[in-house]
């Protein structure tokens, strides 16, 4: 198991979990204040954070799976 890749995967997962709470909270707040002039920027930021959370979660899972199941490359000297 590659510990570097494993740690990187868990960091991505934890960051994704944090963003999973921040994104929908911002989304809810933006819909609550639709008449405010900052509605569009806050809405777009919250949607970006939600998409980033999904991306980081998938990337973290991929890193963890690669660290556990990927074969070690053999070094062939010619």
PDB file of N, CA and C in Angstrom:
ATOM      1  N   UNK A   1       0.853  -1.184   0.000  1.00  0.00           N
ATOM      2  CA  UNK A   1       0.000   0.000   0.000  1.00  0.00           C
ATOM      3  C   UNK A   1       0.893   1.240   0.000  1.00  0.00           C
ATOM      4  N   UNK A   2       0.555   2.177  -0.855  1.00  0.00           N
ATOM      5  CA  UNK A   2       1.315   3.422  -0.957  1.00  0.00           C
ATOM      6  C   UNK A   2       0.729   4.431   0.025  1.00  0.00           C
ATOM      7  N   UNK A   3       1.487   4.724   1.081  1.00  0.00           N
ATOM      8  CA  UNK A   3       0.952   5.573   2.145  1.00  0.00           C
ATOM      9  C   UNK A   3       0.802   7.031   1.704  1.00  0.00           C
ATOM     10  N   UNK A   4       1.663   7.509   0.803  1.00  0.00           N
ATOM     11  CA  UNK A   4       1.537   8.883   0.319  1.00  0.00           C
ATOM     12  C   UNK A   4       0.208   9.113  -0.385  1.00  0.00           C
ATOM     13  N   UNK A   5      -0.133   8.190  -1.261  1.00  0.00           N
ATOM     14  CA  UNK A   5      -1.384   8.289  -2.016  1.00  0.00           C
ATOM     15  C   UNK A   5      -2.589   8.113  -1.085  1.00  0.00           C
ATOM     16  N   UNK A   6      -2.436   7.255  -0.092  1.00  0.00           N
ATOM     17  CA  UNK A   6      -3.503   7.006   0.880  1.00  0.00           C
ATOM     18  C   UNK A   6      -3.797   8.269   1.693  1.00  0.00           C
ATOM     19  N   UNK A   7      -2.748   8.940   2.163  1.00  0.00           N
ATOM     20  CA  UNK A   7      -2.925  10.170   2.942  1.00  0.00           C
ATOM     21  C   UNK A   7      -3.537  11.279   2.096  1.00  0.00           C
ATOM     22  N   UNK A   8      -3.085  11.365   0.852  1.00  0.00           N
ATOM     23  CA  UNK A   8      -3.624  12.372  -0.049  1.00  0.00           C
ATOM     24  C   UNK A   8      -5.116  12.136  -0.303  1.00  0.00           C
ATOM     25  N   UNK A   9      -5.503  10.860  -0.427  1.00  0.00           N
ATOM     26  CA  UNK A   9      -6.905  10.522  -0.624  1.00  0.00           C
ATOM     27  C   UNK A   9      -7.761  10.913   0.568  1.00  0.00           C
ATOM     28  N   UNK A  10      -7.256  10.654   1.781  1.00  0.00           N
ATOM     29  CA  UNK A  10      -8.021  11.029   2.972  1.00  0.00           C
ATOM     30  C   UNK A  10      -8.120  12.535   3.139  1.00  0.00           C
ATOM     31  N   UNK A  11      -7.070  13.263   2.762  1.00  0.00           N
ATOM     32  CA  UNK A  11      -7.147  14.724   2.819  1.00  0.00           C
ATOM     33  C   UNK A  11      -8.233  15.229   1.872  1.00  0.00           C
ATOM     34  N   UNK A  12      -8.301  14.645   0.677  1.00  0.00           N
ATOM     35  CA  UNK A  12      -9.339  15.043  -0.279  1.00  0.00           C
ATOM     36  C   UNK A  12     -10.729  14.710   0.241  1.00  0.00           C
ATOM     37  N   UNK A  13     -10.868  13.542   0.875  1.00  0.00           N
ATOM     38  CA  UNK A  13     -12.169  13.141   1.420  1.00  0.00           C
ATOM     39  C   UNK A  13     -12.608  14.096   2.530  1.00  0.00           C
ATOM     40  N   UNK A  14     -11.690  14.449   3.433  1.00  0.00           N
ATOM     41  CA  UNK A  14     -12.057  15.343   4.536  1.00  0.00           C
ATOM     42  C   UNK A  14     -12.381  16.749   4.046  1.00  0.00           C
ATOM     43  N   UNK A  15     -11.633  17.232   3.059  1.00  0.00           N
ATOM     44  CA  UNK A  15     -11.949  18.534   2.481  1.00  0.00           C
ATOM     45  C   UNK A  15     -13.303  18.489   1.782  1.00  0.00           C
ATOM     46  N   UNK A  16     -13.588  17.380   1.119  1.00  0.00           N
ATOM     47  CA  UNK A  16     -14.876  17.212   0.456  1.00  0.00           C
ATOM     48  C   UNK A  16     -16.019  17.208   1.471  1.00  0.00           C
ATOM     49  N   UNK A  17     -15.808  16.550   2.601  1.00  0.00           N
ATOM     50  CA  UNK A  17     -16.860  16.518   3.631  1.00  0.00           C
ATOM     51  C   UNK A  17     -17.116  17.910   4.200  1.00  0.00           C
ATOM     52  N   UNK A  18     -16.059  18.699   4.359  1.00  0.00           N
ATOM     53  CA  UNK A  18     -16.242  20.074   4.834  1.00  0.00           C
ATOM     54  C   UNK A  18     -17.039  20.888   3.818  1.00  0.00           C
ATOM     55  N   UNK A  19     -16.676  20.746   2.546  1.00  0.00           N
ATOM     56  CA  UNK A  19     -17.374  21.495   1.500  1.00  0.00           C
ATOM     57  C   UNK A  19     -18.806  21.015   1.310  1.00  0.00           C
ATOM     58  N   UNK A  20     -19.096  19.762   1.681  1.00  0.00           N
ATOM     59  CA  UNK A  20     -20.466  19.248   1.585  1.00  0.00           C
ATOM     60  C   UNK A  20     -21.411  19.965   2.547  1.00  0.00           C
ATOM     61  N   UNK A  21     -20.873  20.548   3.587  1.00  0.00           N
ATOM     62  CA  UNK A  21     -21.703  21.324   4.512  1.00  0.00           C
ATOM     63  C   UNK A  21     -21.739  22.805   4.138  1.00  0.00           C
ATOM     64  N   UNK A  22     -20.627  23.324   3.653  1.00  0.00           N
ATOM     65  CA  UNK A  22     -20.555  24.749   3.325  1.00  0.00           C
ATOM     66  C   UNK A  22     -21.379  25.076   2.077  1.00  0.00           C
ATOM     67  N   UNK A  23     -21.278  24.243   1.036  1.00  0.00           N
ATOM     68  CA  UNK A  23     -21.984  24.515  -0.218  1.00  0.00           C
ATOM     69  C   UNK A  23     -23.493  24.608  -0.072  1.00  0.00           C
ATOM     70  N   UNK A  24     -24.148  23.582   0.478  1.00  0.00           N
ATOM     71  CA  UNK A  24     -25.607  23.682   0.641  1.00  0.00           C
ATOM     72  C   UNK A  24     -26.042  24.783   1.607  1.00  0.00           C
ATOM     73  N   UNK A  25     -25.213  25.093   2.610  1.00  0.00           N
ATOM     74  CA  UNK A  25     -25.550  26.193   3.518  1.00  0.00           C
ATOM     75  C   UNK A  25     -25.558  27.516   2.768  1.00  0.00           C
ATOM     76  N   UNK A  26     -24.546  27.739   1.956  1.00  0.00           N
ATOM     77  CA  UNK A  26     -24.519  28.957   1.142  1.00  0.00           C
ATOM     78  C   UNK A  26     -25.670  28.981   0.134  1.00  0.00           C
ATOM     79  N   UNK A  27     -25.983  27.832  -0.430  1.00  0.00           N
ATOM     80  CA  UNK A  27     -27.080  27.743  -1.387  1.00  0.00           C
ATOM     81  C   UNK A  27     -28.406  28.116  -0.724  1.00  0.00           C
ATOM     82  N   UNK A  28     -28.626  27.609   0.472  1.00  0.00           N
ATOM     83  CA  UNK A  28     -29.849  27.927   1.214  1.00  0.00           C
ATOM     84  C   UNK A  28     -29.914  29.416   1.541  1.00  0.00           C
ATOM     85  N   UNK A  29     -28.783  29.984   1.964  1.00  0.00           N
ATOM     86  CA  UNK A  29     -28.761  31.402   2.297  1.00  0.00           C
ATOM     87  C   UNK A  29     -28.994  32.279   1.067  1.00  0.00           C
ATOM     88  N   UNK A  30     -28.468  31.843  -0.071  1.00  0.00           N
ATOM     89  CA  UNK A  30     -28.673  32.654  -1.279  1.00  0.00           C
ATOM     90  C   UNK A  30     -30.134  32.618  -1.713  1.00  0.00           C
ATOM     91  N   UNK A  31     -30.792  31.464  -1.602  1.00  0.00           N
ATOM     92  CA  UNK A  31     -32.207  31.400  -1.981  1.00  0.00           C
ATOM     93  C   UNK A  31     -33.097  32.128  -0.976  1.00  0.00           C
ATOM     94  N   UNK A  32     -32.622  32.238   0.245  1.00  0.00           N
ATOM     95  CA  UNK A  32     -33.381  32.968   1.252  1.00  0.00           C
ATOM     96  C   UNK A  32     -33.347  34.477   0.992  1.00  0.00           C
ATOM     97  N   UNK A  33     -32.295  34.952   0.349  1.00  0.00           N
ATOM     98  CA  UNK A  33     -32.127  36.391   0.092  1.00  0.00           C
ATOM     99  C   UNK A  33     -32.113  36.671  -1.409  1.00  0.00           C
ATOM    100  N   UNK A  34     -33.171  36.309  -2.091  1.00  0.00           N
ATOM    101  CA  UNK A  34     -33.214  36.465  -3.545  1.00  0.00           C
ATOM    102  C   UNK A  34     -33.300  37.925  -3.984  1.00  0.00           C
ATOM    103  N   UNK A  35     -33.790  38.800  -3.151  1.00  0.00           N
ATOM    104  CA  UNK A  35     -33.906  40.197  -3.544  1.00  0.00           C
ATOM    105  C   UNK A  35     -32.644  41.007  -3.255  1.00  0.00           C
ATOM    106  N   UNK A  36     -31.641  40.384  -2.683  1.00  0.00           N
ATOM    107  CA  UNK A  36     -30.378  41.043  -2.366  1.00  0.00           C
ATOM    108  C   UNK A  36     -29.517  41.158  -3.625  1.00  0.00           C
ATOM    109  N   UNK A  37     -28.734  42.227  -3.768  1.00  0.00           N
ATOM    110  CA  UNK A  37     -27.916  42.375  -4.978  1.00  0.00           C
ATOM    111  C   UNK A  37     -26.795  41.338  -5.094  1.00  0.00           C
ATOM    112  N   UNK A  38     -26.413  40.698  -4.019  1.00  0.00           N
ATOM    113  CA  UNK A  38     -25.360  39.676  -4.042  1.00  0.00           C
ATOM    114  C   UNK A  38     -25.913  38.280  -4.295  1.00  0.00           C
ATOM    115  N   UNK A  39     -27.154  38.170  -4.697  1.00  0.00           N
ATOM    116  CA  UNK A  39     -27.783  36.861  -4.896  1.00  0.00           C
ATOM    117  C   UNK A  39     -27.054  36.022  -5.944  1.00  0.00           C
ATOM    118  N   UNK A  40     -26.806  36.563  -7.111  1.00  0.00           N
ATOM    119  CA  UNK A  40     -26.175  35.809  -8.204  1.00  0.00           C
ATOM    120  C   UNK A  40     -24.742  35.380  -7.857  1.00  0.00           C
ATOM    121  N   UNK A  41     -23.890  36.275  -7.319  1.00  0.00           N
ATOM    122  CA  UNK A  41     -22.533  35.815  -6.967  1.00  0.00           C
ATOM    123  C   UNK A  41     -22.514  34.730  -5.890  1.00  0.00           C
ATOM    124  N   UNK A  42     -23.357  34.868  -4.887  1.00  0.00           N
ATOM    125  CA  UNK A  42     -23.396  33.861  -3.814  1.00  0.00           C
ATOM    126  C   UNK A  42     -23.969  32.549  -4.342  1.00  0.00           C
ATOM    127  N   UNK A  43     -24.961  32.619  -5.200  1.00  0.00           N
ATOM    128  CA  UNK A  43     -25.535  31.417  -5.799  1.00  0.00           C
ATOM    129  C   UNK A  43     -24.499  30.686  -6.648  1.00  0.00           C
ATOM    130  N   UNK A  44     -23.775  31.428  -7.482  1.00  0.00           N
ATOM    131  CA  UNK A  44     -22.773  30.780  -8.333  1.00  0.00           C
ATOM    132  C   UNK A  44     -21.623  30.216  -7.505  1.00  0.00           C
ATOM    133  N   UNK A  45     -21.218  30.906  -6.450  1.00  0.00           N
ATOM    134  CA  UNK A  45     -20.165  30.400  -5.569  1.00  0.00           C
ATOM    135  C   UNK A  45     -20.601  29.121  -4.866  1.00  0.00           C
ATOM    136  N   UNK A  46     -21.835  29.085  -4.404  1.00  0.00           N
ATOM    137  CA  UNK A  46     -22.316  27.894  -3.699  1.00  0.00           C
ATOM    138  C   UNK A  46     -22.446  26.703  -4.643  1.00  0.00           C
ATOM    139  N   UNK A  47     -22.871  26.920  -5.866  1.00  0.00           N
ATOM    140  CA  UNK A  47     -22.947  25.827  -6.843  1.00  0.00           C
ATOM    141  C   UNK A  47     -21.549  25.328  -7.177  1.00  0.00           C
ATOM    142  N   UNK A  48     -20.588  26.243  -7.321  1.00  0.00           N
ATOM    143  CA  UNK A  48     -19.203  25.849  -7.573  1.00  0.00           C
ATOM    144  C   UNK A  48     -18.650  25.018  -6.412  1.00  0.00           C
ATOM    145  N   UNK A  49     -18.945  25.419  -5.183  1.00  0.00           N
ATOM    146  CA  UNK A  49     -18.468  24.677  -4.008  1.00  0.00           C
ATOM    147  C   UNK A  49     -19.089  23.286  -3.971  1.00  0.00           C
ATOM    148  N   UNK A  50     -20.362  23.158  -4.316  1.00  0.00           N
ATOM    149  CA  UNK A  50     -21.013  21.844  -4.340  1.00  0.00           C
ATOM    150  C   UNK A  50     -20.379  20.931  -5.393  1.00  0.00           C
ATOM    151  N   UNK A  51     -20.107  21.469  -6.569  1.00  0.00           N
ATOM    152  CA  UNK A  51     -19.477  20.673  -7.629  1.00  0.00           C
ATOM    153  C   UNK A  51     -18.051  20.301  -7.238  1.00  0.00           C
ATOM    154  N   UNK A  52     -17.323  21.227  -6.621  1.00  0.00           N
ATOM    155  CA  UNK A  52     -15.965  20.955  -6.163  1.00  0.00           C
ATOM    156  C   UNK A  52     -15.952  19.872  -5.089  1.00  0.00           C
ATOM    157  N   UNK A  53     -16.949  19.872  -4.240  1.00  0.00           N
ATOM    158  CA  UNK A  53     -17.060  18.848  -3.202  1.00  0.00           C
ATOM    159  C   UNK A  53     -17.230  17.458  -3.813  1.00  0.00           C
ATOM    160  N   UNK A  54     -18.076  17.358  -4.814  1.00  0.00           N
ATOM    161  CA  UNK A  54     -18.280  16.067  -5.487  1.00  0.00           C
ATOM    162  C   UNK A  54     -16.993  15.628  -6.184  1.00  0.00           C
ATOM    163  N   UNK A  55     -16.332  16.561  -6.864  1.00  0.00           N
ATOM    164  CA  UNK A  55     -15.087  16.242  -7.564  1.00  0.00           C
ATOM    165  C   UNK A  55     -14.006  15.760  -6.594  1.00  0.00           C
ATOM    166  N   UNK A  56     -13.833  16.471  -5.472  1.00  0.00           N
ATOM    167  CA  UNK A  56     -12.806  16.076  -4.509  1.00  0.00           C
ATOM    168  C   UNK A  56     -13.132  14.748  -3.839  1.00  0.00           C
ATOM    169  N   UNK A  57     -14.409  14.480  -3.622  1.00  0.00           N
ATOM    170  CA  UNK A  57     -14.793  13.195  -3.056  1.00  0.00           C
ATOM    171  C   UNK A  57     -14.450  12.043  -3.979  1.00  0.00           C
ATOM    172  N   UNK A  58     -14.741  12.195  -5.250  1.00  0.00           N
ATOM    173  CA  UNK A  58     -14.430  11.138  -6.223  1.00  0.00           C
ATOM    174  C   UNK A  58     -12.921  10.983  -6.376  1.00  0.00           C
ATOM    175  N   UNK A  59     -12.204  12.102  -6.425  1.00  0.00           N
ATOM    176  CA  UNK A  59     -10.750  12.049  -6.561  1.00  0.00           C
ATOM    177  C   UNK A  59     -10.111  11.395  -5.326  1.00  0.00           C
ATOM    178  N   UNK A  60     -10.620  11.704  -4.150  1.00  0.00           N
ATOM    179  CA  UNK A  60     -10.099  11.097  -2.932  1.00  0.00           C
ATOM    180  C   UNK A  60     -10.350   9.603  -2.881  1.00  0.00           C
ATOM    181  N   UNK A  61     -11.540   9.187  -3.282  1.00  0.00           N
ATOM    182  CA  UNK A  61     -11.844   7.756  -3.328  1.00  0.00           C
ATOM    183  C   UNK A  61     -10.959   7.032  -4.322  1.00  0.00           C
ATOM    184  N   UNK A  62     -10.714   7.654  -5.474  1.00  0.00           N
ATOM    185  CA  UNK A  62      -9.844   7.054  -6.479  1.00  0.00           C
ATOM    186  C   UNK A  62      -8.430   6.905  -5.944  1.00  0.00           C
ATOM    187  N   UNK A  63      -7.932   7.927  -5.251  1.00  0.00           N
ATOM    188  CA  UNK A  63      -6.590   7.848  -4.685  1.00  0.00           C
ATOM    189  C   UNK A  63      -6.480   6.743  -3.641  1.00  0.00           C
ATOM    190  N   UNK A  64      -7.487   6.604  -2.809  1.00  0.00           N
ATOM    191  CA  UNK A  64      -7.470   5.557  -1.792  1.00  0.00           C
ATOM    192  C   UNK A  64      -7.513   4.183  -2.442  1.00  0.00           C
ATOM    193  N   UNK A  65      -8.365   4.008  -3.434  1.00  0.00           N
ATOM    194  CA  UNK A  65      -8.444   2.717  -4.121  1.00  0.00           C
ATOM    195  C   UNK A  65      -7.150   2.385  -4.862  1.00  0.00           C
ATOM    196  N   UNK A  66      -6.548   3.397  -5.488  1.00  0.00           N
ATOM    197  CA  UNK A  66      -5.282   3.160  -6.185  1.00  0.00           C
ATOM    198  C   UNK A  66      -4.172   2.785  -5.201  1.00  0.00           C
ATOM    199  N   UNK A  67      -4.169   3.405  -4.035  1.00  0.00           N
ATOM    200  CA  UNK A  67      -3.115   3.094  -3.068  1.00  0.00           C
ATOM    201  C   UNK A  67      -3.268   1.687  -2.504  1.00  0.00           C
ATOM    202  N   UNK A  68      -4.479   1.188  -2.444  1.00  0.00           N
ATOM    203  CA  UNK A  68      -4.697  -0.150  -1.887  1.00  0.00           C
ATOM    204  C   UNK A  68      -4.529  -1.236  -2.945  1.00  0.00           C
ATOM    205  N   UNK A  69      -5.133  -1.056  -4.121  1.00  0.00           N
ATOM    206  CA  UNK A  69      -5.240  -2.146  -5.087  1.00  0.00           C
ATOM    207  C   UNK A  69      -4.276  -2.079  -6.269  1.00  0.00           C
ATOM    208  N   UNK A  70      -3.604  -0.964  -6.497  1.00  0.00           N
ATOM    209  CA  UNK A  70      -2.744  -0.854  -7.672  1.00  0.00           C
ATOM    210  C   UNK A  70      -1.454  -1.646  -7.465  1.00  0.00           C
ATOM    211  N   UNK A  71      -1.064  -2.351  -8.516  1.00  0.00           N
ATOM    212  CA  UNK A  71       0.168  -3.134  -8.448  1.00  0.00           C
ATOM    213  C   UNK A  71       1.371  -2.210  -8.465  1.00  0.00           C
ATOM    214  N   UNK A  72       2.409  -2.629  -7.788  1.00  0.00           N
ATOM    215  CA  UNK A  72       3.645  -1.875  -7.820  1.00  0.00           C
ATOM    216  C   UNK A  72       4.335  -2.116  -9.147  1.00  0.00           C
ATOM    217  N   UNK A  73       4.848  -1.048  -9.734  1.00  0.00           N
ATOM    218  CA  UNK A  73       5.530  -1.187 -11.002  1.00  0.00           C
ATOM    219  C   UNK A  73       6.925  -1.745 -10.780  1.00  0.00           C
ATOM    220  N   UNK A  74       7.263  -2.746 -11.566  1.00  0.00           N
ATOM    221  CA  UNK A  74       8.600  -3.325 -11.446  1.00  0.00           C
ATOM    222  C   UNK A  74       9.570  -2.491 -12.275  1.00  0.00           C
ATOM    223  N   UNK A  75      10.722  -2.242 -11.711  1.00  0.00           N
ATOM    224  CA  UNK A  75      11.727  -1.437 -12.404  1.00  0.00           C
ATOM    225  C   UNK A  75      12.637  -2.379 -13.181  1.00  0.00           C
ATOM    226  N   UNK A  76      12.627  -2.198 -14.472  1.00  0.00           N
ATOM    227  CA  UNK A  76      13.463  -3.028 -15.343  1.00  0.00           C
ATOM    228  C   UNK A  76      14.622  -2.171 -15.838  1.00  0.00           C
ATOM    229  N   UNK A  77      15.831  -2.621 -15.569  1.00  0.00           N
ATOM    230  CA  UNK A  77      17.009  -1.892 -15.999  1.00  0.00           C
ATOM    231  C   UNK A  77      17.544  -2.530 -17.272  1.00  0.00           C
ATOM    232  N   UNK A  78      17.704  -1.711 -18.290  1.00  0.00           N
ATOM    233  CA  UNK A  78      18.210  -2.236 -19.570  1.00  0.00           C
ATOM    234  C   UNK A  78      19.615  -1.789 -19.806  1.00  0.00           C
TER     235      UNK A  78
END
